[in-house]
């Protein structure tokens, strides 16, 4: 009997580890809208739904049975991709930090991750790209005059 319980434990651990939310990030778009990205891993591609909740109020969901709070009715939108769920909140003007939760549900499996978002501390969405490309531009600005002098 003990062998069966050990075997069942290993099987359940394997199933539990194959589904998770890997990351939840937030950034501000150039229009000062909040954009959040929830990356997840599910054991199989199926009918997964994504819901974002702000302070216990549904802000947006891919599940049509979830009733969106009137405060977010025309401001929140959510798009589901293969391994990520992207939430956009237009008119993001919160002066107080708030808790944003991403919930991924597939069949009876429910995954949840929260992130406290403070507008003053939230980075711009394109900051990483600007830094990456900015370094290349600076390098070219210094190297091209040197190279043209050698020719």
N, C-alpha and C. Protein backbone atom coordinates (compact mmCIF):
# COMPACT_ATOMS: atom_id res chain seq x y z
N UNK A 1 0.82 -1.19 0.00
CA UNK A 1 0.00 0.00 0.00
C UNK A 1 0.86 1.26 0.00
N UNK A 2 1.99 1.20 0.70
CA UNK A 2 2.87 2.36 0.79
C UNK A 2 3.45 2.70 -0.58
N UNK A 3 3.73 1.67 -1.38
CA UNK A 3 4.27 1.91 -2.71
C UNK A 3 3.30 2.72 -3.57
N UNK A 4 2.01 2.42 -3.44
CA UNK A 4 1.01 3.15 -4.21
C UNK A 4 0.95 4.62 -3.81
N UNK A 5 1.03 4.88 -2.51
CA UNK A 5 0.97 6.29 -2.08
C UNK A 5 2.22 7.05 -2.51
N UNK A 6 3.39 6.40 -2.51
CA UNK A 6 4.61 7.06 -2.98
C UNK A 6 4.51 7.32 -4.48
N UNK A 7 4.01 6.36 -5.22
CA UNK A 7 3.84 6.51 -6.66
C UNK A 7 2.84 7.63 -6.96
N UNK A 8 1.74 7.67 -6.23
CA UNK A 8 0.75 8.72 -6.43
C UNK A 8 1.32 10.09 -6.10
N UNK A 9 2.14 10.17 -5.07
CA UNK A 9 2.77 11.44 -4.70
C UNK A 9 3.67 11.95 -5.82
N UNK A 10 4.48 11.08 -6.40
CA UNK A 10 5.36 11.49 -7.49
C UNK A 10 4.56 11.93 -8.72
N UNK A 11 3.49 11.23 -9.01
CA UNK A 11 2.65 11.62 -10.14
C UNK A 11 2.02 12.98 -9.92
N UNK A 12 1.50 13.21 -8.72
CA UNK A 12 0.87 14.50 -8.42
C UNK A 12 1.90 15.63 -8.42
N UNK A 13 3.09 15.38 -7.90
CA UNK A 13 4.13 16.40 -7.93
C UNK A 13 4.52 16.74 -9.36
N UNK A 14 4.57 15.74 -10.22
CA UNK A 14 4.90 15.98 -11.62
C UNK A 14 3.83 16.81 -12.30
N UNK A 15 2.57 16.56 -11.98
CA UNK A 15 1.49 17.33 -12.57
C UNK A 15 1.49 18.76 -12.04
N UNK A 16 1.77 18.91 -10.75
CA UNK A 16 1.74 20.25 -10.16
C UNK A 16 2.87 21.11 -10.70
N UNK A 17 4.01 20.52 -10.98
CA UNK A 17 5.15 21.32 -11.43
C UNK A 17 5.05 21.67 -12.91
N UNK A 18 4.17 21.02 -13.67
CA UNK A 18 4.07 21.31 -15.09
C UNK A 18 3.15 22.49 -15.39
N UNK A 19 2.52 23.03 -14.37
CA UNK A 19 1.66 24.19 -14.57
C UNK A 19 2.03 25.26 -13.56
N UNK A 20 2.31 26.44 -14.09
CA UNK A 20 2.71 27.53 -13.19
C UNK A 20 2.60 28.87 -13.91
N UNK A 21 2.56 29.92 -13.13
CA UNK A 21 2.71 31.26 -13.67
C UNK A 21 4.17 31.62 -13.50
N UNK A 22 4.85 31.86 -14.59
CA UNK A 22 6.29 32.10 -14.57
C UNK A 22 6.64 33.52 -14.17
N UNK A 23 5.88 34.50 -14.66
CA UNK A 23 6.18 35.89 -14.33
C UNK A 23 4.96 36.77 -14.53
N UNK A 24 4.96 37.87 -13.79
CA UNK A 24 3.93 38.89 -13.93
C UNK A 24 4.66 40.23 -13.90
N UNK A 25 4.59 40.96 -15.00
CA UNK A 25 5.30 42.23 -15.11
C UNK A 25 4.34 43.35 -15.46
N UNK A 26 4.74 44.57 -15.10
CA UNK A 26 3.93 45.75 -15.39
C UNK A 26 4.81 46.84 -15.96
N UNK A 27 4.26 47.62 -16.89
CA UNK A 27 4.97 48.76 -17.45
C UNK A 27 3.96 49.79 -17.93
N UNK A 28 4.46 50.99 -18.20
CA UNK A 28 3.62 52.08 -18.71
C UNK A 28 3.89 52.29 -20.19
N UNK A 29 2.83 52.37 -20.98
CA UNK A 29 3.00 52.66 -22.40
C UNK A 29 3.29 54.15 -22.57
N UNK A 30 3.61 54.55 -23.79
CA UNK A 30 3.91 55.97 -24.03
C UNK A 30 2.69 56.86 -23.78
N UNK A 31 1.48 56.28 -23.83
CA UNK A 31 0.25 57.02 -23.56
C UNK A 31 -0.14 56.98 -22.08
N UNK A 32 0.78 56.49 -21.24
CA UNK A 32 0.55 56.36 -19.79
C UNK A 32 -0.55 55.37 -19.44
N UNK A 33 -0.71 54.34 -20.27
CA UNK A 33 -1.62 53.24 -19.97
C UNK A 33 -0.82 52.14 -19.31
N UNK A 34 -1.46 51.39 -18.43
CA UNK A 34 -0.80 50.27 -17.77
C UNK A 34 -0.88 49.05 -18.66
N UNK A 35 0.25 48.37 -18.82
CA UNK A 35 0.27 47.11 -19.57
C UNK A 35 0.91 46.06 -18.68
N UNK A 36 0.22 44.95 -18.50
CA UNK A 36 0.73 43.86 -17.68
C UNK A 36 0.81 42.60 -18.53
N UNK A 37 1.85 41.82 -18.26
CA UNK A 37 2.05 40.57 -19.00
C UNK A 37 2.23 39.43 -18.00
N UNK A 38 1.38 38.45 -18.12
CA UNK A 38 1.39 37.27 -17.25
C UNK A 38 1.82 36.07 -18.10
N UNK A 39 3.03 35.56 -17.85
CA UNK A 39 3.54 34.40 -18.59
C UNK A 39 3.30 33.14 -17.78
N UNK A 40 2.82 32.09 -18.45
CA UNK A 40 2.45 30.88 -17.73
C UNK A 40 2.83 29.63 -18.52
N UNK A 41 2.80 28.50 -17.81
CA UNK A 41 3.04 27.19 -18.41
C UNK A 41 1.89 26.29 -18.02
N UNK A 42 1.26 25.67 -19.01
CA UNK A 42 0.18 24.73 -18.76
C UNK A 42 0.55 23.38 -19.35
N UNK A 43 0.05 22.30 -18.77
CA UNK A 43 0.42 20.97 -19.25
C UNK A 43 -0.08 20.67 -20.66
N UNK A 44 -1.21 21.24 -21.06
CA UNK A 44 -1.71 21.01 -22.41
C UNK A 44 -2.39 22.26 -22.93
N UNK A 45 -2.40 22.40 -24.23
CA UNK A 45 -3.06 23.54 -24.86
C UNK A 45 -4.55 23.24 -24.87
N UNK A 46 -5.30 24.09 -24.21
CA UNK A 46 -6.73 23.85 -24.14
C UNK A 46 -7.47 25.15 -23.92
N UNK A 47 -8.60 25.02 -23.32
CA UNK A 47 -9.46 26.17 -23.08
C UNK A 47 -9.06 26.89 -21.79
N UNK A 48 -7.97 27.59 -21.81
CA UNK A 48 -7.54 28.36 -20.64
C UNK A 48 -8.17 29.74 -20.72
N UNK A 49 -8.49 30.28 -19.55
CA UNK A 49 -9.02 31.63 -19.47
C UNK A 49 -8.10 32.47 -18.59
N UNK A 50 -8.13 33.76 -18.81
CA UNK A 50 -7.29 34.69 -18.06
C UNK A 50 -8.17 35.79 -17.49
N UNK A 51 -7.95 36.10 -16.22
CA UNK A 51 -8.72 37.15 -15.55
C UNK A 51 -7.76 38.02 -14.75
N UNK A 52 -7.91 39.32 -14.88
CA UNK A 52 -7.15 40.27 -14.06
C UNK A 52 -8.11 40.89 -13.05
N UNK A 53 -7.69 40.88 -11.79
CA UNK A 53 -8.48 41.42 -10.70
C UNK A 53 -7.67 42.51 -10.02
N UNK A 54 -8.30 43.66 -9.77
CA UNK A 54 -7.66 44.79 -9.10
C UNK A 54 -8.43 45.06 -7.81
N UNK A 55 -7.76 44.90 -6.68
CA UNK A 55 -8.41 45.11 -5.38
C UNK A 55 -9.77 44.40 -5.29
N UNK A 56 -9.78 43.14 -5.67
CA UNK A 56 -10.96 42.26 -5.60
C UNK A 56 -12.08 42.65 -6.57
N UNK A 57 -11.75 43.44 -7.59
CA UNK A 57 -12.72 43.80 -8.62
C UNK A 57 -12.20 43.30 -9.96
N UNK A 58 -13.06 42.62 -10.73
CA UNK A 58 -12.65 42.10 -12.04
C UNK A 58 -12.45 43.27 -12.99
N UNK A 59 -11.21 43.39 -13.51
CA UNK A 59 -10.88 44.48 -14.43
C UNK A 59 -11.05 44.05 -15.88
N UNK A 60 -10.71 42.80 -16.20
CA UNK A 60 -10.86 42.27 -17.56
C UNK A 60 -10.72 40.76 -17.50
N UNK A 61 -11.35 40.08 -18.43
CA UNK A 61 -11.30 38.62 -18.45
C UNK A 61 -11.60 38.09 -19.85
N UNK A 62 -11.01 36.95 -20.16
CA UNK A 62 -11.36 36.26 -21.40
C UNK A 62 -12.55 35.35 -21.19
N UNK A 63 -12.93 35.15 -19.93
CA UNK A 63 -14.10 34.34 -19.59
C UNK A 63 -15.32 35.26 -19.59
N UNK A 64 -16.24 35.05 -20.53
CA UNK A 64 -17.38 35.95 -20.69
C UNK A 64 -18.37 35.86 -19.52
N UNK A 65 -18.28 34.82 -18.71
CA UNK A 65 -19.18 34.71 -17.57
C UNK A 65 -18.72 35.58 -16.38
N UNK A 66 -17.47 36.04 -16.39
CA UNK A 66 -17.00 36.92 -15.33
C UNK A 66 -17.52 38.33 -15.59
N UNK A 67 -18.17 38.90 -14.59
CA UNK A 67 -18.74 40.25 -14.73
C UNK A 67 -17.66 41.27 -14.40
N UNK A 68 -17.36 42.13 -15.36
CA UNK A 68 -16.34 43.17 -15.19
C UNK A 68 -16.94 44.30 -14.36
N UNK A 69 -16.16 44.79 -13.39
CA UNK A 69 -16.58 45.89 -12.54
C UNK A 69 -16.82 47.14 -13.39
N UNK A 70 -17.87 47.91 -13.10
CA UNK A 70 -18.17 49.11 -13.90
C UNK A 70 -17.01 50.11 -13.98
N UNK A 71 -16.16 50.17 -12.98
CA UNK A 71 -15.02 51.10 -13.00
C UNK A 71 -14.03 50.76 -14.10
N UNK A 72 -14.03 49.49 -14.55
CA UNK A 72 -13.09 49.04 -15.59
C UNK A 72 -13.79 48.69 -16.89
N UNK A 73 -15.09 48.92 -16.97
CA UNK A 73 -15.91 48.45 -18.09
C UNK A 73 -15.34 48.78 -19.47
N UNK A 74 -15.00 50.01 -19.74
CA UNK A 74 -14.51 50.39 -21.07
C UNK A 74 -13.03 50.72 -21.06
N UNK A 75 -12.34 50.42 -19.97
CA UNK A 75 -10.93 50.77 -19.84
C UNK A 75 -9.99 49.57 -19.88
N UNK A 76 -10.45 48.41 -19.43
CA UNK A 76 -9.59 47.24 -19.37
C UNK A 76 -9.82 46.30 -20.53
N UNK A 77 -8.72 45.76 -21.05
CA UNK A 77 -8.83 44.74 -22.10
C UNK A 77 -7.76 43.68 -21.85
N UNK A 78 -8.06 42.47 -22.26
CA UNK A 78 -7.13 41.36 -22.05
C UNK A 78 -7.05 40.54 -23.33
N UNK A 79 -5.83 40.14 -23.69
CA UNK A 79 -5.58 39.30 -24.87
C UNK A 79 -4.78 38.10 -24.45
N UNK A 80 -5.23 36.94 -24.89
CA UNK A 80 -4.58 35.68 -24.53
C UNK A 80 -3.79 35.18 -25.72
N UNK A 81 -2.53 34.85 -25.49
CA UNK A 81 -1.67 34.24 -26.50
C UNK A 81 -1.33 32.83 -26.03
N UNK A 82 -0.47 32.14 -26.71
CA UNK A 82 -0.21 30.75 -26.36
C UNK A 82 0.31 30.57 -24.93
N UNK A 83 1.25 31.41 -24.50
CA UNK A 83 1.82 31.24 -23.16
C UNK A 83 1.82 32.53 -22.35
N UNK A 84 1.04 33.50 -22.77
CA UNK A 84 0.96 34.75 -22.01
C UNK A 84 -0.40 35.40 -22.14
N UNK A 85 -0.71 36.19 -21.13
CA UNK A 85 -1.96 36.94 -21.09
C UNK A 85 -1.59 38.40 -20.86
N UNK A 86 -1.98 39.28 -21.79
CA UNK A 86 -1.61 40.69 -21.72
C UNK A 86 -2.85 41.52 -21.37
N UNK A 87 -2.69 42.33 -20.34
CA UNK A 87 -3.76 43.20 -19.84
C UNK A 87 -3.36 44.64 -20.08
N UNK A 88 -4.30 45.43 -20.63
CA UNK A 88 -4.06 46.85 -20.84
C UNK A 88 -5.17 47.63 -20.16
N UNK A 89 -4.76 48.62 -19.37
CA UNK A 89 -5.70 49.48 -18.67
C UNK A 89 -5.47 50.91 -19.13
N UNK A 90 -6.44 51.45 -19.88
CA UNK A 90 -6.32 52.83 -20.36
C UNK A 90 -6.72 53.79 -19.24
N UNK A 91 -6.17 54.97 -19.29
CA UNK A 91 -6.48 55.96 -18.27
C UNK A 91 -5.95 55.60 -16.91
N UNK A 92 -4.76 55.01 -16.86
CA UNK A 92 -4.15 54.58 -15.59
C UNK A 92 -3.66 55.81 -14.84
N UNK A 93 -4.38 56.21 -13.80
CA UNK A 93 -4.03 57.42 -13.06
C UNK A 93 -3.98 57.17 -11.56
N UNK A 94 -3.76 55.95 -11.14
CA UNK A 94 -3.76 55.63 -9.72
C UNK A 94 -2.58 56.27 -9.01
N UNK A 95 -2.89 57.04 -7.98
CA UNK A 95 -1.83 57.64 -7.18
C UNK A 95 -1.42 56.70 -6.05
N UNK A 96 -2.28 55.79 -5.69
CA UNK A 96 -2.01 54.81 -4.64
C UNK A 96 -1.60 53.48 -5.26
N UNK A 97 -0.62 52.79 -4.67
CA UNK A 97 -0.29 51.44 -5.16
C UNK A 97 -1.48 50.50 -4.97
N UNK A 98 -1.69 49.63 -5.95
CA UNK A 98 -2.79 48.67 -5.87
C UNK A 98 -2.29 47.28 -6.24
N UNK A 99 -2.99 46.27 -5.74
CA UNK A 99 -2.65 44.88 -6.01
C UNK A 99 -3.40 44.41 -7.25
N UNK A 100 -2.64 43.94 -8.24
CA UNK A 100 -3.18 43.40 -9.49
C UNK A 100 -2.91 41.90 -9.50
N UNK A 101 -3.94 41.11 -9.72
CA UNK A 101 -3.82 39.65 -9.74
C UNK A 101 -4.15 39.11 -11.11
N UNK A 102 -3.30 38.20 -11.57
CA UNK A 102 -3.53 37.48 -12.81
C UNK A 102 -3.94 36.06 -12.44
N UNK A 103 -5.08 35.62 -12.96
CA UNK A 103 -5.56 34.26 -12.70
C UNK A 103 -5.71 33.53 -14.02
N UNK A 104 -5.05 32.39 -14.12
CA UNK A 104 -5.16 31.53 -15.30
C UNK A 104 -5.92 30.29 -14.86
N UNK A 105 -6.99 29.97 -15.60
CA UNK A 105 -7.78 28.81 -15.24
C UNK A 105 -7.93 27.91 -16.45
N UNK A 106 -7.66 26.62 -16.21
CA UNK A 106 -7.85 25.61 -17.26
C UNK A 106 -8.49 24.41 -16.60
N UNK A 107 -9.68 24.07 -17.03
CA UNK A 107 -10.47 23.01 -16.41
C UNK A 107 -10.61 23.31 -14.92
N UNK A 108 -10.11 22.43 -14.05
CA UNK A 108 -10.22 22.66 -12.60
C UNK A 108 -8.95 23.24 -12.01
N UNK A 109 -7.94 23.45 -12.84
CA UNK A 109 -6.67 24.00 -12.38
C UNK A 109 -6.75 25.53 -12.38
N UNK A 110 -6.40 26.14 -11.25
CA UNK A 110 -6.42 27.60 -11.13
C UNK A 110 -5.04 28.07 -10.66
N UNK A 111 -4.42 28.96 -11.44
CA UNK A 111 -3.13 29.54 -11.09
C UNK A 111 -3.33 31.02 -10.84
N UNK A 112 -2.65 31.56 -9.84
CA UNK A 112 -2.84 32.95 -9.47
C UNK A 112 -1.51 33.57 -9.07
N UNK A 113 -1.25 34.81 -9.51
CA UNK A 113 -0.07 35.55 -9.09
C UNK A 113 -0.45 37.01 -8.98
N UNK A 114 0.05 37.67 -7.94
CA UNK A 114 -0.27 39.07 -7.72
C UNK A 114 0.97 39.95 -7.77
N UNK A 115 0.74 41.22 -8.09
CA UNK A 115 1.82 42.20 -8.16
C UNK A 115 1.25 43.55 -7.72
N UNK A 116 1.95 44.20 -6.78
CA UNK A 116 1.55 45.53 -6.37
C UNK A 116 2.15 46.53 -7.35
N UNK A 117 1.30 47.35 -7.96
CA UNK A 117 1.74 48.30 -8.98
C UNK A 117 1.64 49.72 -8.42
N UNK A 118 2.76 50.42 -8.44
CA UNK A 118 2.83 51.82 -8.04
C UNK A 118 3.23 52.61 -9.28
N UNK A 119 2.38 53.52 -9.73
CA UNK A 119 2.64 54.24 -10.98
C UNK A 119 3.97 54.99 -10.94
N UNK A 120 4.34 55.51 -9.78
CA UNK A 120 5.58 56.27 -9.66
C UNK A 120 6.81 55.40 -9.87
N UNK A 121 6.69 54.10 -9.58
CA UNK A 121 7.84 53.19 -9.68
C UNK A 121 7.78 52.28 -10.91
N UNK A 122 6.73 52.41 -11.70
CA UNK A 122 6.57 51.55 -12.87
C UNK A 122 7.38 52.09 -14.04
N UNK A 123 8.13 51.20 -14.68
CA UNK A 123 9.01 51.59 -15.80
C UNK A 123 8.22 51.70 -17.10
N UNK A 124 8.80 52.39 -18.05
CA UNK A 124 8.20 52.50 -19.38
C UNK A 124 8.34 51.18 -20.12
N UNK A 125 7.36 50.82 -20.90
CA UNK A 125 7.38 49.54 -21.61
C UNK A 125 8.53 49.44 -22.60
N UNK A 126 8.91 50.53 -23.22
CA UNK A 126 9.94 50.47 -24.25
C UNK A 126 11.33 50.80 -23.72
N UNK A 127 11.50 50.92 -22.43
CA UNK A 127 12.79 51.32 -21.87
C UNK A 127 13.90 50.33 -22.23
N UNK A 128 13.62 49.05 -22.18
CA UNK A 128 14.64 48.05 -22.51
C UNK A 128 15.09 48.15 -23.95
N UNK A 129 14.15 48.32 -24.86
CA UNK A 129 14.50 48.44 -26.28
C UNK A 129 15.29 49.71 -26.54
N UNK A 130 14.92 50.80 -25.88
CA UNK A 130 15.63 52.06 -26.08
C UNK A 130 17.08 51.92 -25.64
N UNK A 131 17.30 51.29 -24.50
CA UNK A 131 18.66 51.12 -24.01
C UNK A 131 19.48 50.21 -24.93
N UNK A 132 18.87 49.13 -25.38
CA UNK A 132 19.60 48.21 -26.27
C UNK A 132 20.00 48.90 -27.56
N UNK A 133 19.05 49.56 -28.21
CA UNK A 133 19.33 50.20 -29.49
C UNK A 133 20.13 51.48 -29.30
N UNK A 134 19.95 52.16 -28.18
CA UNK A 134 20.70 53.38 -27.90
C UNK A 134 22.19 53.12 -27.83
N UNK A 135 22.58 51.98 -27.25
CA UNK A 135 24.00 51.61 -27.16
C UNK A 135 24.60 51.41 -28.54
N UNK A 136 23.87 50.79 -29.43
CA UNK A 136 24.34 50.56 -30.80
C UNK A 136 24.51 51.88 -31.53
N UNK A 137 23.56 52.78 -31.35
CA UNK A 137 23.63 54.08 -32.02
C UNK A 137 24.84 54.87 -31.53
N UNK A 138 25.08 54.85 -30.22
CA UNK A 138 26.25 55.55 -29.67
C UNK A 138 27.54 54.96 -30.21
N UNK A 139 27.60 53.64 -30.28
CA UNK A 139 28.79 52.98 -30.80
C UNK A 139 29.04 53.38 -32.25
N UNK A 140 28.00 53.39 -33.06
CA UNK A 140 28.15 53.79 -34.46
C UNK A 140 28.57 55.25 -34.58
N UNK A 141 28.04 56.09 -33.69
CA UNK A 141 28.38 57.52 -33.74
C UNK A 141 29.87 57.74 -33.51
N UNK A 142 30.49 56.92 -32.69
CA UNK A 142 31.93 57.09 -32.42
C UNK A 142 32.80 56.31 -33.40
N UNK A 143 32.34 55.18 -33.87
CA UNK A 143 33.18 54.33 -34.74
C UNK A 143 33.16 54.80 -36.18
N UNK A 144 32.04 55.26 -36.70
CA UNK A 144 31.97 55.67 -38.11
C UNK A 144 32.94 56.80 -38.46
N UNK A 145 33.08 57.83 -37.65
CA UNK A 145 34.07 58.86 -37.99
C UNK A 145 35.50 58.29 -38.01
N UNK A 146 35.79 57.37 -37.12
CA UNK A 146 37.11 56.74 -37.11
C UNK A 146 37.35 55.92 -38.36
N UNK A 147 36.33 55.16 -38.74
CA UNK A 147 36.46 54.34 -39.94
C UNK A 147 36.56 55.19 -41.20
N UNK A 148 35.82 56.29 -41.28
CA UNK A 148 35.90 57.14 -42.46
C UNK A 148 37.25 57.83 -42.56
N UNK A 149 37.92 58.08 -41.43
CA UNK A 149 39.23 58.67 -41.44
C UNK A 149 40.30 57.69 -41.93
N UNK A 150 40.05 56.40 -41.77
CA UNK A 150 41.00 55.38 -42.21
C UNK A 150 40.90 55.13 -43.70
N UNK A 151 39.77 55.42 -44.29
CA UNK A 151 39.59 55.15 -45.72
C UNK A 151 40.20 56.25 -46.49
